[in-house]
Amino acid sequence: MTNRTVAIIQARTGSSRLPGKIFKQIGDHPLLWHVVTRTRLASLLDETVVATTVEAQDDQVVDFCEHHGFEYTRGSEDDVLDRYYESANSYDADTIVRITGDCPLVSPEIIDRVVRVYRNTGVEYANNKLNYPNGLDVEAMRFETLERAWVEAESSEEREHVTPYIRASDDFKKQKVTNPLDISTYSVTDADTVLRWSVDYQSDLEFIREIYDRLSVHGEWTINQQAVFELLEREPEIVEMTDHASPADFRYE
């Protein structure tokens, strides 16, 4: 029996806080290019798909995907759960790996770790929302789990954010994936605090650009969480570039 594992990256241009952020330049490429290309390097994926919307403004996402040879689907702008379900259906996914399109530091190693733990434990849903930086988030789930959420989830928050129904329910077998890197050893962290590496504001974008500028001298594929933490430990002033954020923004619940 095969288990077709498909990464689905949600991406649209209509961000309210930083419009068009997925096309903002980081180094030589737009943000979305980094997300898709890094995701595709994960060895346990059979396919990587960009799930955008049917809105006219996201025609440029389609053009971008076609230009670069990226797979894509189109669906609801607000009902992202439906967008995921239809995309998973279209690509015959047995396992869905959820990635968001504002995470240009997404790690193929971490994707593989989450998928491997998900497979080895036999759970219905796994995520790494424990002691990883926000921006390296990965979720893996069975198609049947996604389908049940698609049928049963009712609130706008559950539909927009895809997995709250699954995470809140006691009806699914779930697994948290721990970080093999002890991030508490770095001076920029403590046992309960991690850094936010996703892009929501212009200052986040400048923060990520700085990381790429400093670390891509040996090739951007050498950028991983350890390299980033070591950079931030050497130059903690880089963290201050995300000046809108408070310590509460760096905590997982």
Protein backbone atom coordinates (compact mmCIF):
# COMPACT_ATOMS: atom_id res chain seq x y z
CA MET A 1 0.00 0.00 0.00
CA THR A 2 1.43 3.36 -1.00
CA ASN A 3 1.24 6.47 1.12
CA ARG A 4 1.30 9.49 -1.13
CA THR A 5 2.63 12.44 0.86
CA VAL A 6 1.83 15.88 -0.52
CA ALA A 7 3.00 19.20 0.90
CA ILE A 8 0.41 21.92 0.38
CA ILE A 9 1.61 25.52 0.74
CA GLN A 10 -1.13 28.09 1.25
CA ALA A 11 -0.25 31.36 -0.48
CA ARG A 12 -2.13 34.47 -1.56
CA THR A 13 -1.29 38.08 -2.30
CA GLY A 14 -3.98 39.65 -0.12
CA SER A 15 -2.19 39.88 3.22
CA SER A 16 -3.65 42.75 5.28
CA ARG A 17 -0.46 43.46 7.25
CA LEU A 18 2.05 43.23 4.41
CA PRO A 19 0.24 43.10 1.04
CA GLY A 20 1.99 41.09 -1.65
CA LYS A 21 4.55 39.75 0.82
CA ILE A 22 4.93 36.44 -1.00
CA PHE A 23 6.50 38.34 -3.92
CA LYS A 24 8.83 40.50 -1.82
CA GLN A 25 12.43 39.93 -2.82
CA ILE A 26 14.81 38.01 -0.55
CA GLY A 27 18.23 37.77 -2.13
CA ASP A 28 17.80 36.79 -5.76
CA HIS A 29 14.27 35.41 -5.50
CA PRO A 30 10.77 36.25 -4.23
CA LEU A 31 9.75 34.95 -0.81
CA LEU A 32 7.38 32.32 -2.24
CA TRP A 33 10.16 30.88 -4.40
CA HIS A 34 12.21 30.21 -1.27
CA VAL A 35 9.28 28.52 0.49
CA VAL A 36 8.43 26.23 -2.42
CA THR A 37 11.99 25.40 -3.38
CA ARG A 38 13.08 24.62 0.17
CA THR A 39 9.97 22.51 0.76
CA ARG A 40 10.61 20.50 -2.39
CA LEU A 41 14.01 19.46 -1.00
CA ALA A 42 12.36 17.35 1.71
CA SER A 43 13.07 13.72 0.82
CA LEU A 44 9.84 12.22 2.21
CA LEU A 45 7.49 14.24 -0.02
CA ASP A 46 6.00 12.95 -3.26
CA GLU A 47 4.66 16.31 -4.39
CA THR A 48 4.63 19.98 -3.41
CA VAL A 49 1.61 22.10 -4.35
CA VAL A 50 0.86 25.79 -3.95
CA ALA A 51 -2.78 26.32 -2.93
CA THR A 52 -3.83 29.84 -3.87
CA THR A 53 -7.24 31.48 -4.29
CA VAL A 54 -9.65 32.00 -7.15
CA GLU A 55 -9.48 35.76 -6.67
CA ALA A 56 -8.28 37.76 -9.69
CA GLN A 57 -5.41 39.27 -7.69
CA ASP A 58 -3.97 35.76 -7.31
CA ASP A 59 -3.69 35.23 -11.05
CA GLN A 60 -0.12 36.39 -10.54
CA VAL A 61 0.45 33.43 -8.17
CA VAL A 62 -0.69 31.13 -10.97
CA ASP A 63 1.58 32.90 -13.46
CA PHE A 64 4.48 32.59 -11.03
CA CYS A 65 3.88 28.87 -10.50
CA GLU A 66 3.54 28.19 -14.22
CA HIS A 67 6.72 30.14 -14.96
CA HIS A 68 8.72 28.12 -12.41
CA GLY A 69 7.07 24.76 -13.03
CA PHE A 70 5.43 24.63 -9.58
CA GLU A 71 2.23 22.64 -9.12
CA TYR A 72 -0.77 24.68 -7.93
CA THR A 73 -4.49 24.64 -7.22
CA ARG A 74 -7.02 27.41 -6.66
CA GLY A 75 -9.79 27.60 -4.08
CA SER A 76 -11.59 29.71 -1.53
CA GLU A 77 -9.86 32.80 -0.18
CA ASP A 78 -11.42 32.68 3.30
CA ASP A 79 -12.26 28.98 3.72
CA VAL A 80 -8.66 27.78 3.69
CA LEU A 81 -9.72 24.41 5.11
CA ASP A 82 -11.79 23.86 1.97
CA ARG A 83 -8.85 25.02 -0.14
CA TYR A 84 -6.66 22.37 1.49
CA TYR A 85 -9.26 19.65 1.16
CA GLU A 86 -9.84 20.29 -2.54
CA SER A 87 -6.10 20.51 -3.20
CA ALA A 88 -5.45 17.23 -1.36
CA ASN A 89 -8.24 15.60 -3.36
CA SER A 90 -6.82 16.88 -6.64
CA TYR A 91 -3.39 15.39 -5.92
CA ASP A 92 -4.57 12.08 -4.39
CA ALA A 93 -2.87 12.79 -1.09
CA ASP A 94 -2.90 10.12 1.60
CA THR A 95 -0.86 12.36 3.90
CA ILE A 96 -1.05 16.14 3.80
CA VAL A 97 1.86 18.25 5.01
CA ARG A 98 0.78 21.80 5.73
CA ILE A 99 3.20 24.66 5.09
CA THR A 100 2.33 28.37 5.07
CA GLY A 101 3.59 30.67 2.34
CA ASP A 102 5.14 33.26 4.67
CA CYS A 103 7.95 31.04 6.01
CA PRO A 104 11.05 31.46 3.82
CA LEU A 105 13.28 29.64 6.33
CA VAL A 106 11.16 26.47 6.20
CA SER A 107 13.51 23.52 6.62
CA PRO A 108 13.48 20.33 4.51
CA GLU A 109 15.17 18.54 7.43
CA ILE A 110 12.40 19.55 9.80
CA ILE A 111 9.69 18.62 7.28
CA ASP A 112 11.24 15.15 7.04
CA ARG A 113 11.47 14.89 10.83
CA VAL A 114 7.77 15.71 11.29
CA VAL A 115 6.72 13.30 8.52
CA ARG A 116 8.94 10.55 9.93
CA VAL A 117 7.56 10.93 13.46
CA TYR A 118 4.03 11.03 12.07
CA ARG A 119 4.60 7.79 10.16
CA ASN A 120 6.50 5.95 12.89
CA THR A 121 3.98 6.72 15.63
CA GLY A 122 0.94 5.88 13.50
CA VAL A 123 -0.95 8.98 14.61
CA GLU A 124 -3.58 10.88 12.67
CA TYR A 125 -1.98 14.30 13.12
CA ALA A 126 1.46 15.60 14.12
CA ASN A 127 3.02 19.05 14.43
CA ASN A 128 6.17 20.69 15.72
CA LYS A 129 4.48 23.58 17.57
CA LEU A 130 6.48 22.88 20.69
CA ASN A 131 10.00 24.31 20.84
CA TYR A 132 10.75 25.36 17.30
CA PRO A 133 10.81 28.95 16.05
CA ASN A 134 7.51 30.11 14.59
CA GLY A 135 8.30 30.06 10.88
CA LEU A 136 9.56 26.49 10.82
CA ASP A 137 6.03 25.17 11.41
CA VAL A 138 5.09 21.84 9.85
CA GLU A 139 1.88 19.85 10.27
CA ALA A 140 1.23 16.34 8.93
CA MET A 141 -2.16 14.66 8.86
CA ARG A 142 -4.08 11.83 7.27
CA PHE A 143 -6.42 12.69 4.44
CA GLU A 144 -9.27 11.21 6.49
CA THR A 145 -8.40 13.56 9.35
CA LEU A 146 -8.46 16.59 7.08
CA GLU A 147 -11.70 15.36 5.54
CA ARG A 148 -13.38 15.00 8.91
CA ALA A 149 -12.34 18.52 9.87
CA TRP A 150 -13.63 19.74 6.50
CA VAL A 151 -17.04 18.17 7.23
CA GLU A 152 -17.35 19.03 10.91
CA ALA A 153 -15.53 22.35 11.49
CA GLU A 154 -17.99 25.23 11.61
CA SER A 155 -16.45 28.41 12.99
CA SER A 156 -14.74 30.95 10.76
CA GLU A 157 -11.52 30.51 12.75
CA GLU A 158 -11.56 26.75 12.20
CA ARG A 159 -12.15 27.20 8.48
CA GLU A 160 -9.57 29.97 8.04
CA HIS A 161 -6.74 28.41 10.06
CA VAL A 162 -7.28 24.82 8.83
CA THR A 163 -6.27 22.75 11.85
CA PRO A 164 -7.74 24.30 15.07
CA TYR A 165 -10.60 21.78 14.98
CA ILE A 166 -8.15 18.88 14.82
CA ARG A 167 -5.85 20.29 17.50
CA ALA A 168 -8.71 21.02 19.92
CA SER A 169 -10.44 17.67 19.53
CA ASP A 170 -9.75 14.61 21.69
CA ASP A 171 -11.01 12.34 18.91
CA PHE A 172 -7.72 12.24 16.98
CA LYS A 173 -4.46 10.50 17.82
CA LYS A 174 -1.88 13.31 17.86
CA GLN A 175 1.84 13.69 18.35
CA LYS A 176 4.05 16.67 19.19
CA VAL A 177 7.44 16.61 17.46
CA THR A 178 10.29 17.80 19.64
CA ASN A 179 13.29 19.76 18.45
CA PRO A 180 16.53 17.73 18.46
CA LEU A 181 18.42 21.02 18.73
CA ASP A 182 18.60 22.33 22.30
CA ILE A 183 17.78 25.95 21.53
CA SER A 184 18.04 26.92 25.20
CA THR A 185 21.83 26.79 24.84
CA TYR A 186 21.75 29.96 22.73
CA SER A 187 21.81 33.29 24.50
CA VAL A 188 18.91 34.63 22.41
CA THR A 189 16.50 32.02 23.80
CA ASP A 190 15.33 30.54 27.06
CA ALA A 191 13.44 27.38 27.88
CA ASP A 192 10.02 28.89 27.12
CA THR A 193 10.79 31.41 24.40
CA VAL A 194 11.50 31.07 20.70
CA LEU A 195 11.86 33.58 17.91
CA ARG A 196 9.31 34.34 15.23
CA TRP A 197 10.80 33.69 11.78
CA SER A 198 7.65 34.08 9.68
CA VAL A 199 6.96 37.25 7.68
CA ASP A 200 3.96 39.35 8.70
CA TYR A 201 5.43 42.85 8.81
CA GLN A 202 8.02 44.85 6.90
CA SER A 203 10.42 44.51 9.85
CA ASP A 204 10.09 40.71 9.63
CA LEU A 205 11.05 40.91 5.98
CA GLU A 206 14.13 42.98 6.80
CA PHE A 207 15.03 40.48 9.52
CA ILE A 208 14.85 37.56 7.05
CA ARG A 209 16.75 39.50 4.39
CA GLU A 210 19.51 40.12 6.91
CA ILE A 211 19.72 36.42 7.70
CA TYR A 212 19.95 35.52 4.02
CA ASP A 213 22.54 38.21 3.38
CA ARG A 214 24.73 36.98 6.23
CA LEU A 215 24.34 33.22 5.77
CA SER A 216 23.93 32.58 2.04
CA VAL A 217 27.59 33.26 1.23
CA HIS A 218 28.14 29.48 1.18
CA GLY A 219 24.83 28.81 -0.59
CA GLU A 220 21.33 29.41 0.73
CA TRP A 221 20.80 25.68 1.31
CA THR A 222 23.30 25.86 4.18
CA ILE A 223 20.80 28.00 6.11
CA ASN A 224 19.22 25.93 8.87
CA GLN A 225 17.98 26.66 12.38
CA GLN A 226 21.36 26.03 14.00
CA ALA A 227 23.10 28.43 11.62
CA VAL A 228 20.45 31.08 12.28
CA PHE A 229 20.65 30.69 16.06
CA GLU A 230 24.42 30.94 15.96
CA LEU A 231 24.18 34.10 13.84
CA LEU A 232 21.70 35.66 16.28
CA GLU A 233 23.90 34.73 19.20
CA ARG A 234 26.89 36.44 17.55
CA GLU A 235 24.86 39.46 16.49
CA PRO A 236 21.81 39.77 18.80
CA GLU A 237 21.03 43.23 17.44
CA ILE A 238 19.51 41.48 14.40
CA VAL A 239 16.66 40.27 16.61
CA GLU A 240 15.78 43.87 17.39
CA MET A 241 14.91 44.44 13.72
CA THR A 242 11.48 42.95 14.43
CA ASP A 243 10.71 45.99 16.54
CA HIS A 244 6.91 45.56 16.44
CA ALA A 245 7.10 42.29 18.35
CA SER A 246 6.76 41.81 22.07
CA PRO A 247 8.09 38.83 24.03
CA ALA A 248 4.56 37.40 23.99
CA ASP A 249 4.79 37.11 20.20
CA PHE A 250 7.63 34.62 20.64
CA ARG A 251 5.70 32.10 22.73
CA TYR A 252 3.90 28.95 21.75
CA GLU A 253 0.69 28.00 23.49
